Amino acid sequence: MDYAATAKEALSRIAEATDLDTLEALRVEFLGKQGSISGLLKTLGRMSPEERKLEGPRIHGLRESVTEALTERKDALEAAALEARLASETIDLTLPAPEQPVGSVHPVSQVMDELAEIFADMGFAVATGPEIEDDWHNFTALNMPETHPARAMHDTFYFPDHNEAGREMLLRTHTSPVQIRTMLASVKENPGGAPLRIIAPGRVYRSDSDATHTPMFHQIEALVIDRDIHLGHLKWTLETFLKAFFEREDIVLRLRPSYFPFTEPSVEVDVGYTLVDGKRVVGGSQGWMEVLGSGMVNRRVIEFGGLDPDEWQGFAFGVGVDRLAMLKYGMDDLRAFFDGDVRWLSHYGFSALDVPTLSGGVGTPA
């Protein structure tokens, strides 16, 4: 058999193919199960060892040359098709912009703005602090002993290096260190150091992940330092805040004794809810669900903040911003907050014009 002539004919027909369908038909004709070259390969089994030694390399060489030609022609045709498509698809930059703006405000950002608006009306300032914190501000100054479980490696993200003072560095586990930094800064600027009314919103980090916990989440803490502060002030502040946030007057609170190293006494705060279509809606007293932890600031924490606990007292509370958003806007999976799914964002997101105001309503959806 004249393999050279067969190869020449096959390569010529492949080179003349003008589209991918024609090229695929040639591939089947030559290399398919019933193809001519595949048929030649099947004849090797019936040959004697001497014939196979002679004919085998020729047949395999023919197959390889045809396969290589098919691949090269396919690449060339695909490149040409892409060039033609790119040349035909154009964008008219003179077209007017879409009527609806693209993008939305994330629910967490919206809730942060709502909280800032509510607490500003009560005389609170917004304070911030570093997310990479040292263990003294994050634990020790908050009266958390060396053996406290929250300091464990499986709960906290530690860095291998220490700061200049030799303290361990970590990703803050709460925004409470901002309380210490604010008190210390206030004492440095003002000998009295108080009164203080601040909220500290921001990102915090803990080693946890499920439908209601993520390694990074958002928290807001409030701190009040003044003379003659007691639990009654705390309860009024919480009731006023929650009524404004959920925009309901039937908010009912229940305070339960608890324990936190940085407050004494400490209380867990439950809010009443009503079942609507099987879902919990904040308001009423059909049932109770826990929303935040709070208490009177521990004397040792006030001392760590550079203030005299015999002169100054205070209260503090902390709540998850993501959890507040879930309760208010009916979301059931915390992980969706961080997936970046455009469909979720367009459904739960807010318009940039929906600026929270106490007069116009702090929770107007887009």
Foldseek 3Di string as FASTA:
>chain_A
DPLVVVLVVLLVLLVPDQAPVSLVVSCCQDPNCPHPLVVVVVCLVVDDPVVNVVCVVSSVVSVVSSVVSSVVSVVVNVVVVVVVVVVVDDDDPPDDDDPDDPFFAFLLNLLVLLLCQLVVVVVAAEFEDDQWDFCCLQAVLLQHDPPHPCVDVQWWAWDPDADPVRTTITGRAARNSRVLVQQQVQCVVPVQSDFHWYKYKDKGATNDDDQVDDRIFIKIKIKGKAFPDDVVVVVVVVLSSVCQSLVHNQKDKDWAFDDDSFAPRKTWIKIAFDADPNDTATGDHPDIDTFWIKHKGDQSSCVSSVHHSVGMIMMMIMGTSLVSSCRRVVDRGSVVSPPPDSVVCVVQGAHPPLRAHSVVGSDDGD
